[in-house]
């Protein structure tokens, strides 16, 4: 027997339609590439997204065709998302921080037909044009302000102005492909994660839930996390669904630029990786500034350093929300909210707990397994491979990359090593590929790094394993000093002493001008290991 409710397919065009009808006048603000602040609203974005749909149809784009973007966070990038998705095309976000050859490989693997790009990326695309599959290029520019290019590109505003005719959105299966985002490809070629309309809508609702990110109509949200990085953590869907004001920061993500928008637009909620917030905290302290409007900061993409949590909460009264996820989980996997039994715990206990990655919201299931696939207990002590399944978790990669990626119960191996406690709270101890295994036992690089970041002279830190003749591997701590800092190895030994096990103590401390970051702002440990091992194997004369 079936229920007697209306059949209402979960397609993302309904999100922007709802925003236009119910929250039509709510602002969407963008700092454009020239630094000017541009203001529009959901009603206008919905109308322009439909015009963009008509423009794509005029180019022959059909349901299932891939439409790529190479663009910063902006209102026109949002139009591209909903305009492509509304007619059943697949919006494919390309990450400009990847190597140009890798971008070209991804575009070919996806088979994308159209590329919409910001003016800043024209030289990048021209460099690899012969490797690209695109039939059409559209440069995001105002009429009469097109840059010189060798792409035969259309002007975005002229392209939209020439489009006409009514456009019907939706009308296809909610399981239809909707968005495409590739993994960062730190091991082998990147892999395509193909989201469905259903998964994106439900994931957007996760972002609105209390106990999660909790986006509401009263919020002013600034997604510093880029739209080309795992759906901007779902905020491009949850904000219009909730009716929240959006503030798009464009390409200027330094501390001063981020602060300027937080202050002038009265942002209440923002989200980004830890490196962005370290830079903001440094800027705030140097200039003795406050954050009167900001209430919540969502931090993910890498482990939350205790120094960031304490900095925002103790100095600025801003709640820090630690989150974990990945491209394959759309990306919300866990949100760190305190279990009810710990709400009245002492402050230090609560802080220690909130440094964990958190609990899965409804729609995500987790388990731990050993290398043989045996399920491990949730005791908060036993580490294992972190496995996930859920309504917005990948079941396969595009074009069959990686083969069967699920175990017999339908769980996906995240590549993280973690523990889960009796409250269902997960804590990542390492990436499986980054774990330091010394004498057959695991050492958490994340714990060492987070303690090192407590030192005021440390700008960034990375613990990596280097080969050892007796213990297989031993940890080395690589440190990037803050400008003017003279933090030493002895200072760091003293800081770590008593906070970690004696056998976890790094064997060496290396100071570098900068720690390499990957395309999504995380530390590139693959490159760092190569650099450190080359340095440690160099002849003494060369080192001098």
Protein backbone atom coordinates (compact mmCIF):
# COMPACT_ATOMS: atom_id res chain seq x y z
CA UNK A 1 0.00 0.00 0.00
CA UNK A 2 1.36 3.40 -1.00
CA UNK A 3 0.79 6.72 0.70
CA UNK A 4 -1.59 9.24 -0.83
CA UNK A 5 0.73 12.25 -0.83
CA UNK A 6 1.69 14.37 -3.81
CA UNK A 7 4.66 13.25 -5.87
CA UNK A 8 7.08 16.18 -5.55
CA UNK A 9 10.45 15.40 -7.18
CA UNK A 10 13.43 16.80 -5.31
CA UNK A 11 15.11 18.83 -8.05
CA UNK A 12 17.27 21.87 -7.27
CA UNK A 13 15.31 24.25 -9.51
CA UNK A 14 12.66 24.18 -6.77
CA UNK A 15 15.18 25.75 -4.39
CA UNK A 16 15.76 28.91 -6.40
CA UNK A 17 12.06 29.11 -7.36
CA UNK A 18 11.19 29.01 -3.64
CA UNK A 19 13.79 31.67 -2.86
CA UNK A 20 12.41 33.96 -5.58
CA UNK A 21 8.78 33.55 -4.43
CA UNK A 22 9.22 33.68 -0.67
CA UNK A 23 12.50 35.56 -0.19
CA UNK A 24 12.70 37.43 -3.48
CA UNK A 25 14.05 40.68 -2.07
CA UNK A 26 16.74 39.06 0.07
CA UNK A 27 20.14 40.34 -0.98
CA UNK A 28 22.94 38.46 -2.69
CA UNK A 29 26.10 40.55 -2.49
CA UNK A 30 29.31 40.00 -4.48
CA UNK A 31 32.70 41.59 -4.34
CA UNK A 32 33.58 41.47 -8.02
CA UNK A 33 37.05 41.05 -9.46
CA UNK A 34 37.61 44.81 -9.69
CA UNK A 35 36.87 45.13 -5.97
CA UNK A 36 33.46 46.77 -6.45
CA UNK A 37 30.54 45.46 -4.41
CA UNK A 38 27.53 44.44 -6.51
CA UNK A 39 24.05 43.85 -5.07
CA UNK A 40 21.20 41.78 -6.42
CA UNK A 41 18.49 39.54 -4.94
CA UNK A 42 17.01 36.07 -5.29
CA UNK A 43 14.18 37.24 -7.54
CA UNK A 44 16.68 38.65 -10.04
CA UNK A 45 18.96 35.62 -9.83
CA UNK A 46 16.05 33.28 -10.57
CA UNK A 47 15.06 35.30 -13.65
CA UNK A 48 18.63 35.52 -14.92
CA UNK A 49 19.19 31.81 -14.27
CA UNK A 50 16.21 31.04 -16.53
CA UNK A 51 17.68 33.32 -19.19
CA UNK A 52 20.96 31.43 -18.88
CA UNK A 53 19.04 28.18 -19.36
CA UNK A 54 17.66 29.58 -22.62
CA UNK A 55 21.17 30.59 -23.68
CA UNK A 56 22.46 27.07 -23.03
CA UNK A 57 19.58 25.53 -24.97
CA UNK A 58 20.44 27.80 -27.90
CA UNK A 59 23.95 26.27 -27.85
CA UNK A 60 22.41 22.82 -28.12
CA UNK A 61 22.92 21.79 -24.50
CA UNK A 62 20.64 18.91 -23.56
CA UNK A 63 19.88 17.03 -20.32
CA UNK A 64 22.96 15.15 -19.13
CA UNK A 65 25.41 17.42 -20.99
CA UNK A 66 28.18 18.82 -18.83
CA UNK A 67 28.56 22.60 -18.46
CA UNK A 68 31.84 23.57 -16.76
CA UNK A 69 32.70 26.66 -14.75
CA UNK A 70 36.08 28.10 -13.80
CA UNK A 71 35.01 30.90 -11.53
CA UNK A 72 35.19 32.50 -8.11
CA UNK A 73 32.23 32.81 -5.75
CA UNK A 74 29.82 35.33 -7.25
CA UNK A 75 26.15 35.88 -8.05
CA UNK A 76 26.82 35.09 -11.71
CA UNK A 77 28.42 31.80 -10.75
CA UNK A 78 25.21 31.01 -8.84
CA UNK A 79 23.22 31.79 -12.01
CA UNK A 80 25.35 29.27 -13.89
CA UNK A 81 24.58 26.59 -11.31
CA UNK A 82 20.83 26.95 -11.36
CA UNK A 83 20.61 27.78 -15.06
CA UNK A 84 22.43 24.59 -16.05
CA UNK A 85 20.87 22.33 -13.43
CA UNK A 86 17.34 23.60 -14.11
CA UNK A 87 17.31 22.11 -17.63
CA UNK A 88 18.87 18.83 -16.53
CA UNK A 89 22.43 19.65 -17.58
CA UNK A 90 25.26 18.80 -15.19
CA UNK A 91 27.15 21.73 -13.67
CA UNK A 92 30.84 20.80 -13.54
CA UNK A 93 32.99 22.98 -11.26
CA UNK A 94 36.67 23.09 -12.21
CA UNK A 95 39.24 23.94 -9.56
CA UNK A 96 41.59 26.69 -10.84
CA UNK A 97 44.17 25.84 -8.17
CA UNK A 98 45.04 22.59 -9.92
CA UNK A 99 47.83 22.37 -12.47
CA UNK A 100 46.62 23.44 -15.96
CA UNK A 101 47.37 19.98 -17.39
CA UNK A 102 45.29 18.41 -14.63
CA UNK A 103 42.41 20.82 -15.33
CA UNK A 104 42.56 19.80 -19.00
CA UNK A 105 42.57 16.10 -18.07
CA UNK A 106 39.52 16.57 -15.84
CA UNK A 107 37.62 18.51 -18.54
CA UNK A 108 38.26 15.69 -21.04
CA UNK A 109 37.33 12.97 -18.55
CA UNK A 110 34.06 14.79 -17.81
CA UNK A 111 33.35 15.46 -21.48
CA UNK A 112 32.19 18.99 -20.70
CA UNK A 113 30.90 20.93 -23.74
CA UNK A 114 30.77 24.52 -22.47
CA UNK A 115 33.13 26.47 -20.23
CA UNK A 116 32.02 29.62 -18.39
CA UNK A 117 35.04 31.35 -16.88
CA UNK A 118 36.08 34.44 -15.00
CA UNK A 119 38.42 36.88 -16.74
CA UNK A 120 41.28 36.01 -14.37
CA UNK A 121 41.40 32.49 -15.80
CA UNK A 122 41.59 33.38 -19.49
CA UNK A 123 45.42 33.05 -19.64
CA UNK A 124 45.24 29.69 -17.87
CA UNK A 125 42.68 28.32 -20.34
CA UNK A 126 44.50 29.70 -23.37
CA UNK A 127 47.64 27.90 -22.22
CA UNK A 128 45.99 24.46 -22.54
CA UNK A 129 43.30 25.22 -25.11
CA UNK A 130 44.51 22.49 -27.48
CA UNK A 131 43.95 19.91 -24.73
CA UNK A 132 40.39 21.00 -23.91
CA UNK A 133 37.12 19.46 -25.16
CA UNK A 134 34.95 22.59 -25.01
CA UNK A 135 32.81 23.57 -27.99
CA UNK A 136 31.95 26.98 -26.53
CA UNK A 137 33.59 29.46 -24.16
CA UNK A 138 31.77 32.20 -22.26
CA UNK A 139 33.74 34.83 -20.35
CA UNK A 140 32.01 36.40 -17.35
CA UNK A 141 32.22 40.07 -18.29
CA UNK A 142 29.97 43.06 -18.80
CA UNK A 143 28.98 44.10 -22.29
CA UNK A 144 31.77 46.10 -23.88
CA UNK A 145 34.32 45.00 -21.27
CA UNK A 146 35.46 41.73 -22.81
CA UNK A 147 39.17 40.96 -22.44
CA UNK A 148 41.22 40.10 -25.49
CA UNK A 149 41.30 36.32 -25.85
CA UNK A 150 42.20 33.54 -28.26
CA UNK A 151 39.19 31.41 -27.33
CA UNK A 152 36.55 32.90 -29.64
CA UNK A 153 34.61 33.41 -26.44
CA UNK A 154 31.15 34.86 -25.96
CA UNK A 155 30.57 37.76 -23.55
CA UNK A 156 28.45 36.56 -20.62
CA UNK A 157 26.14 39.58 -20.47
CA UNK A 158 25.68 39.75 -24.26
CA UNK A 159 25.03 35.99 -24.31
CA UNK A 160 22.27 36.33 -21.70
CA UNK A 161 20.78 39.42 -23.35
CA UNK A 162 20.40 37.57 -26.66
CA UNK A 163 18.61 34.60 -25.07
CA UNK A 164 14.84 34.45 -25.36
CA UNK A 165 11.87 32.16 -25.10
CA UNK A 166 10.12 30.48 -22.16
CA UNK A 167 12.14 27.82 -20.37
CA UNK A 168 10.66 24.92 -18.44
CA UNK A 169 12.68 23.69 -15.50
CA UNK A 170 12.52 20.25 -13.95
CA UNK A 171 10.31 17.50 -15.28
CA UNK A 172 13.05 14.88 -14.96
CA UNK A 173 13.83 12.16 -12.42
CA UNK A 174 15.14 13.50 -9.12
CA UNK A 175 17.95 10.93 -9.40
CA UNK A 176 19.21 12.66 -12.55
CA UNK A 177 22.80 13.90 -12.48
CA UNK A 178 23.01 17.48 -11.23
CA UNK A 179 26.58 18.46 -10.34
CA UNK A 180 30.07 17.13 -10.92
CA UNK A 181 33.12 17.77 -8.76
CA UNK A 182 36.48 16.03 -8.90
CA UNK A 183 38.60 14.89 -5.98
CA UNK A 184 41.89 16.72 -5.51
CA UNK A 185 43.87 13.83 -6.99
CA UNK A 186 46.67 13.67 -4.41
CA UNK A 187 47.14 10.00 -5.31
CA UNK A 188 46.69 9.21 -9.01
CA UNK A 189 44.29 11.03 -11.30
CA UNK A 190 41.35 12.92 -9.80
CA UNK A 191 38.03 11.08 -9.71
CA UNK A 192 34.65 12.52 -10.64
CA UNK A 193 31.90 12.60 -8.02
CA UNK A 194 28.53 12.92 -9.74
CA UNK A 195 25.81 14.37 -7.52
CA UNK A 196 22.09 13.88 -8.17
CA UNK A 197 19.31 16.44 -7.77
CA UNK A 198 17.92 14.38 -4.90
CA UNK A 199 21.26 14.20 -3.08
CA UNK A 200 21.88 17.94 -3.46
CA UNK A 201 18.41 18.91 -2.20
CA UNK A 202 18.61 16.60 0.81
CA UNK A 203 22.17 17.68 1.55
CA UNK A 204 21.06 21.32 1.40
CA UNK A 205 18.41 20.51 4.00
CA UNK A 206 21.13 18.99 6.21
CA UNK A 207 22.82 22.39 6.15
CA UNK A 208 19.64 24.05 7.41
CA UNK A 209 19.09 21.66 10.30
CA UNK A 210 19.47 22.71 13.92
CA UNK A 211 22.46 20.95 15.39
CA UNK A 212 24.16 21.16 12.02
CA UNK A 213 25.24 24.36 10.28
CA UNK A 214 21.77 25.68 11.05
CA UNK A 215 21.35 28.18 8.19
CA UNK A 216 18.23 30.29 8.75
CA UNK A 217 16.40 33.18 7.06
CA UNK A 218 17.83 35.64 9.58
CA UNK A 219 21.42 34.72 8.70
CA UNK A 220 23.88 36.66 6.57
CA UNK A 221 26.15 33.93 5.21
CA UNK A 222 29.56 34.39 3.61
CA UNK A 223 30.83 31.19 1.93
CA UNK A 224 34.58 31.78 1.86
CA UNK A 225 34.91 28.13 0.91
CA UNK A 226 34.90 28.25 -2.91
CA UNK A 227 32.04 27.02 -5.06
CA UNK A 228 34.55 24.80 -6.89
CA UNK A 229 35.31 22.96 -3.62
CA UNK A 230 32.70 20.30 -2.76
CA UNK A 231 29.58 22.37 -3.50
CA UNK A 232 30.77 25.25 -1.29
CA UNK A 233 29.78 22.85 1.49
CA UNK A 234 26.18 22.94 0.27
CA UNK A 235 25.65 26.62 1.11
CA UNK A 236 24.65 27.51 -2.47
CA UNK A 237 21.60 25.31 -1.90
CA UNK A 238 20.86 25.77 1.81
CA UNK A 239 21.07 29.59 1.77
CA UNK A 240 18.40 30.22 -0.89
CA UNK A 241 16.27 27.39 0.52
CA UNK A 242 16.33 29.11 3.91
CA UNK A 243 16.18 32.66 2.54
CA UNK A 244 19.52 33.71 4.05
CA UNK A 245 21.39 36.68 2.63
CA UNK A 246 24.55 35.58 0.80
CA UNK A 247 27.80 37.53 0.67
CA UNK A 248 30.17 36.29 -2.04
CA UNK A 249 33.82 37.31 -1.42
CA UNK A 250 35.12 36.78 -4.96
CA UNK A 251 38.86 36.18 -5.25
CA UNK A 252 40.13 38.40 -2.39
CA UNK A 253 40.52 36.06 0.58
CA UNK A 254 43.28 37.73 2.61
CA UNK A 255 42.59 38.72 6.22
CA UNK A 256 41.90 42.38 5.42
CA UNK A 257 39.45 41.63 2.59
CA UNK A 258 37.58 38.95 4.54
CA UNK A 259 37.27 41.26 7.55
CA UNK A 260 36.00 44.14 5.43
CA UNK A 261 33.00 42.13 4.20
CA UNK A 262 32.35 40.53 7.59
CA UNK A 263 32.04 44.02 9.05
CA UNK A 264 30.34 45.99 6.26
CA UNK A 265 27.73 43.32 5.43
CA UNK A 266 27.14 42.28 9.06
CA UNK A 267 27.88 38.63 8.31
CA UNK A 268 26.57 36.25 11.00
CA UNK A 269 27.83 32.92 9.61
CA UNK A 270 30.84 32.07 7.50
CA UNK A 271 32.72 28.93 6.44
CA UNK A 272 36.23 28.08 5.22
CA UNK A 273 39.33 25.94 5.79
CA UNK A 274 41.62 26.67 8.80
CA UNK A 275 44.30 28.52 6.80
CA UNK A 276 41.81 31.31 6.02
CA UNK A 277 40.91 31.75 9.69
CA UNK A 278 44.53 31.76 10.84
CA UNK A 279 45.13 34.69 8.48
CA UNK A 280 42.00 36.50 9.70
CA UNK A 281 42.91 36.06 13.37
CA UNK A 282 46.37 37.44 12.72
CA UNK A 283 44.89 40.48 10.93
CA UNK A 284 42.36 41.11 13.73
CA UNK A 285 45.03 40.98 16.41
CA UNK A 286 47.50 43.18 14.54
CA UNK A 287 44.87 45.88 14.00
CA UNK A 288 43.00 45.47 17.32
CA UNK A 289 39.68 44.82 15.60
CA UNK A 290 36.47 43.17 16.77
CA UNK A 291 33.73 41.07 15.15
CA UNK A 292 30.46 42.54 16.46
CA UNK A 293 28.13 40.80 14.01
CA UNK A 294 29.69 37.37 13.45
CA UNK A 295 28.10 34.60 15.52
CA UNK A 296 29.33 31.33 13.97
CA UNK A 297 32.36 30.15 12.01
CA UNK A 298 32.26 26.75 10.32
CA UNK A 299 35.70 25.22 9.94
CA UNK A 300 36.40 22.10 7.89
CA UNK A 301 38.69 20.73 5.23
CA UNK A 302 41.39 20.00 7.81
CA UNK A 303 41.56 19.40 11.55
CA UNK A 304 40.54 22.35 13.74
CA UNK A 305 43.56 23.74 15.62
CA UNK A 306 42.80 24.49 19.26
CA UNK A 307 44.40 27.91 18.80
CA UNK A 308 41.70 28.88 16.28
CA UNK A 309 38.85 27.67 18.49
CA UNK A 310 40.14 29.51 21.54
CA UNK A 311 41.04 32.59 19.50
CA UNK A 312 37.56 33.07 18.04
CA UNK A 313 35.64 32.18 21.19
CA UNK A 314 37.82 33.74 23.91
CA UNK A 315 38.85 36.92 22.08
CA UNK A 316 35.85 37.59 19.83
CA UNK A 317 32.88 35.69 21.29
CA UNK A 318 32.32 33.75 18.03
CA UNK A 319 31.13 30.14 18.17
CA UNK A 320 33.33 27.73 16.23
CA UNK A 321 31.61 24.79 14.51
CA UNK A 322 33.97 21.99 13.57
CA UNK A 323 32.83 19.93 10.58
CA UNK A 324 34.21 17.03 8.58
CA UNK A 325 33.39 15.85 5.10
CA UNK A 326 34.79 15.25 1.66
CA UNK A 327 33.87 15.60 -1.99
CA UNK A 328 32.38 12.10 -1.87
CA UNK A 329 30.01 13.04 0.99
CA UNK A 330 28.67 16.20 -0.71
CA UNK A 331 30.49 17.15 1.72
CA UNK A 332 28.79 17.14 5.15
CA UNK A 333 29.81 14.01 7.05
CA UNK A 334 29.84 15.12 10.67
CA UNK A 335 29.15 18.31 12.64
CA UNK A 336 30.64 18.75 16.11
CA UNK A 337 27.84 19.47 18.51
CA UNK A 338 28.13 18.53 22.17
CA UNK A 339 26.22 15.43 23.32
CA UNK A 340 23.56 16.32 25.90
CA UNK A 341 25.45 14.64 28.81
CA UNK A 342 28.38 17.02 28.21
CA UNK A 343 26.45 20.30 27.96
CA UNK A 344 27.15 21.07 31.63
CA UNK A 345 30.72 19.77 31.63
CA UNK A 346 33.58 22.10 32.58
CA UNK A 347 34.94 24.36 29.85
CA UNK A 348 38.17 22.45 29.25
CA UNK A 349 36.27 19.19 28.79
CA UNK A 350 33.91 20.88 26.34
CA UNK A 351 36.76 22.41 24.36
CA UNK A 352 38.58 19.08 24.12
CA UNK A 353 35.40 17.46 22.86
CA UNK A 354 34.68 20.16 20.30
CA UNK A 355 38.08 19.64 18.70
CA UNK A 356 36.76 16.30 17.50
CA UNK A 357 35.11 16.10 14.08
CA UNK A 358 31.65 15.45 15.52
CA UNK A 359 28.56 13.34 14.99
CA UNK A 360 26.88 12.39 11.72
CA UNK A 361 23.58 14.16 10.99
CA UNK A 362 20.57 12.13 9.94
CA UNK A 363 21.33 10.81 6.46
CA UNK A 364 24.92 9.79 7.18
CA UNK A 365 26.01 6.50 8.76
CA UNK A 366 29.54 5.71 9.92
CA UNK A 367 31.48 2.64 10.95
CA UNK A 368 35.08 1.73 11.74
CA UNK A 369 36.85 -1.26 10.21
CA UNK A 370 40.29 -2.80 10.41
CA UNK A 371 42.37 -3.73 7.37
CA UNK A 372 40.57 -7.08 7.16
CA UNK A 373 37.15 -5.39 7.07
CA UNK A 374 36.15 -6.38 10.61
CA UNK A 375 33.88 -3.83 12.29
CA UNK A 376 35.51 -2.15 15.30
CA UNK A 377 33.87 -0.87 18.51
CA UNK A 378 32.74 2.68 19.23
CA UNK A 379 34.75 3.07 22.44
CA UNK A 380 36.59 6.31 21.70
CA UNK A 381 39.91 4.45 21.83
CA UNK A 382 40.09 1.92 19.02
CA UNK A 383 41.21 3.49 15.73
CA UNK A 384 40.11 2.11 12.41
CA UNK A 385 39.42 2.97 8.82
CA UNK A 386 36.48 5.39 8.69
CA UNK A 387 33.65 4.15 6.46
CA UNK A 388 30.55 6.12 5.43
CA UNK A 389 27.26 5.61 3.64
CA UNK A 390 24.25 7.85 3.25
CA UNK A 391 21.75 9.69 1.11
CA UNK A 392 24.42 12.06 -0.27
CA UNK A 393 27.46 9.75 -0.26
CA UNK A 394 29.03 8.58 -3.53
CA UNK A 395 28.27 5.06 -4.66
CA UNK A 396 30.72 5.10 -7.57
CA UNK A 397 33.04 7.45 -9.45
CA UNK A 398 32.39 8.84 -12.93
CA UNK A 399 33.43 6.54 -15.77
CA UNK A 400 34.01 3.67 -13.35
CA UNK A 401 37.22 5.12 -11.92
CA UNK A 402 38.47 3.12 -8.97
CA UNK A 403 36.15 0.20 -9.69
CA UNK A 404 33.79 -0.89 -6.92
CA UNK A 405 34.30 1.60 -4.08
CA UNK A 406 31.76 0.15 -1.61
CA UNK A 407 32.07 -2.77 0.78
CA UNK A 408 29.44 -5.50 1.06
CA UNK A 409 27.31 -3.29 3.34
CA UNK A 410 27.44 -0.30 1.00
CA UNK A 411 30.01 1.69 2.98
CA UNK A 412 32.62 3.90 1.29
CA UNK A 413 36.18 3.94 2.64
CA UNK A 414 36.93 7.60 3.33
CA UNK A 415 40.69 7.09 3.59
CA UNK A 416 40.68 8.52 7.12
CA UNK A 417 41.71 6.76 10.32
CA UNK A 418 39.44 7.63 13.23
CA UNK A 419 37.89 6.68 16.54
CA UNK A 420 34.18 6.94 17.46
CA UNK A 421 33.00 7.16 21.06
CA UNK A 422 29.85 5.95 22.77
CA UNK A 423 28.06 9.21 21.89
CA UNK A 424 28.69 8.65 18.18
CA UNK A 425 31.31 11.41 18.09
CA UNK A 426 34.06 10.80 15.55
CA UNK A 427 37.66 11.96 15.84
CA UNK A 428 40.08 11.63 12.95
CA UNK A 429 43.56 10.61 14.01
CA UNK A 430 45.05 10.75 10.51
CA UNK A 431 44.63 10.20 6.83
CA UNK A 432 45.38 6.57 6.06
CA UNK A 433 48.04 7.72 3.59
CA UNK A 434 49.49 10.25 6.07
CA UNK A 435 49.51 8.13 9.23
CA UNK A 436 52.92 7.75 10.90
CA UNK A 437 53.51 4.14 11.87
CA UNK A 438 56.41 3.74 14.28
CA UNK A 439 57.30 0.33 15.69
CA UNK A 440 53.97 -1.03 14.48
CA UNK A 441 51.96 1.65 16.35
CA UNK A 442 50.16 4.68 14.91
CA UNK A 443 51.18 8.23 15.78
CA UNK A 444 48.62 10.97 15.13
CA UNK A 445 50.19 13.70 13.03
CA UNK A 446 47.07 15.81 13.59
CA UNK A 447 47.53 15.89 17.38
CA UNK A 448 51.17 16.96 17.06
CA UNK A 449 50.29 19.68 14.54
CA UNK A 450 47.46 21.12 16.60
CA UNK A 451 49.63 21.41 19.70
CA UNK A 452 52.40 23.10 17.71
CA UNK A 453 49.87 25.64 16.41
CA UNK A 454 49.22 26.74 20.00
CA UNK A 455 52.59 28.50 19.96
CA UNK A 456 52.11 32.17 18.99
CA UNK A 457 55.20 32.06 16.79
CA UNK A 458 53.94 29.22 14.61
CA UNK A 459 52.03 30.13 11.44
CA UNK A 460 51.56 26.56 10.22
CA UNK A 461 52.87 23.10 11.09
CA UNK A 462 52.92 19.63 9.58
CA UNK A 463 54.05 16.35 11.13
CA UNK A 464 55.22 13.73 8.65
CA UNK A 465 56.82 10.32 8.88
CA UNK A 466 60.34 9.73 7.59
CA UNK A 467 61.99 6.32 7.16
CA UNK A 468 63.85 4.91 10.17
CA UNK A 469 66.06 1.77 10.18
CA UNK A 470 64.68 0.43 13.48
CA UNK A 471 61.19 1.87 13.90
CA UNK A 472 60.11 1.91 10.22
CA UNK A 473 59.06 5.55 10.52
CA UNK A 474 59.62 8.40 12.95
CA UNK A 475 57.84 11.79 13.09
CA UNK A 476 59.44 15.02 11.96
CA UNK A 477 57.72 18.36 12.62
CA UNK A 478 57.92 20.95 9.84
CA UNK A 479 57.19 24.50 11.00
CA UNK A 480 56.44 27.74 9.19
CA UNK A 481 57.23 30.63 11.52
CA UNK A 482 55.17 33.79 11.76
CA UNK A 483 56.95 36.91 10.45
CA UNK A 484 59.42 38.09 13.08
CA UNK A 485 59.13 34.91 15.15
CA UNK A 486 62.20 33.13 16.48
CA UNK A 487 60.44 30.02 17.79
CA UNK A 488 63.00 27.22 18.16
CA UNK A 489 63.06 23.44 18.31
CA UNK A 490 63.55 23.66 22.09
CA UNK A 491 60.45 25.84 22.38
CA UNK A 492 58.40 23.25 20.51
CA UNK A 493 59.81 20.33 22.51
CA UNK A 494 58.80 22.12 25.70
CA UNK A 495 55.32 22.79 24.31
CA UNK A 496 54.79 19.15 23.28
CA UNK A 497 56.29 17.64 26.43
CA UNK A 498 53.57 16.18 28.61
CA UNK A 499 50.88 16.70 25.98
CA UNK A 500 51.75 13.65 23.89
CA UNK A 501 53.33 10.27 24.60
CA UNK A 502 57.13 10.31 24.86
CA UNK A 503 57.49 7.99 21.88
CA UNK A 504 55.37 10.39 19.78
CA UNK A 505 57.90 13.21 20.23
CA UNK A 506 59.33 14.30 16.85
CA UNK A 507 62.88 13.22 16.15
CA UNK A 508 63.61 16.45 14.34
CA UNK A 509 62.22 19.95 13.76
CA UNK A 510 62.58 21.64 10.38
CA UNK A 511 61.83 25.32 9.77
CA UNK A 512 60.73 26.38 6.29
CA UNK A 513 59.70 29.63 4.62
CA UNK A 514 56.33 28.18 3.65
CA UNK A 515 54.50 24.87 3.93
CA UNK A 516 53.05 23.80 0.55
CA UNK A 517 49.26 23.78 0.27
CA UNK A 518 47.17 21.76 -2.14
CA UNK A 519 44.37 22.89 -4.43
CA UNK A 520 41.79 22.97 -1.63
CA UNK A 521 43.92 24.80 0.93
CA UNK A 522 45.03 21.70 2.81
CA UNK A 523 48.68 20.92 3.50
CA UNK A 524 50.16 18.97 0.59
CA UNK A 525 51.89 16.27 2.61
CA UNK A 526 52.83 14.27 -0.47
CA UNK A 527 54.97 17.14 -1.76
CA UNK A 528 56.17 18.02 1.74
CA UNK A 529 57.40 14.47 2.36
CA UNK A 530 59.34 14.56 -0.89
CA UNK A 531 60.90 17.90 0.01
CA UNK A 532 61.82 16.86 3.55
CA UNK A 533 63.25 13.50 2.57
CA UNK A 534 65.32 15.15 -0.16
CA UNK A 535 66.58 17.70 2.37
CA UNK A 536 67.39 15.08 5.00
CA UNK A 537 69.19 12.89 2.46
CA UNK A 538 71.22 15.82 1.08
CA UNK A 539 74.98 15.83 1.80
CA UNK A 540 75.98 17.85 4.84
CA UNK A 541 77.91 20.34 2.71
CA UNK A 542 74.84 21.01 0.58
CA UNK A 543 72.71 21.49 3.70
CA UNK A 544 75.14 24.10 4.98
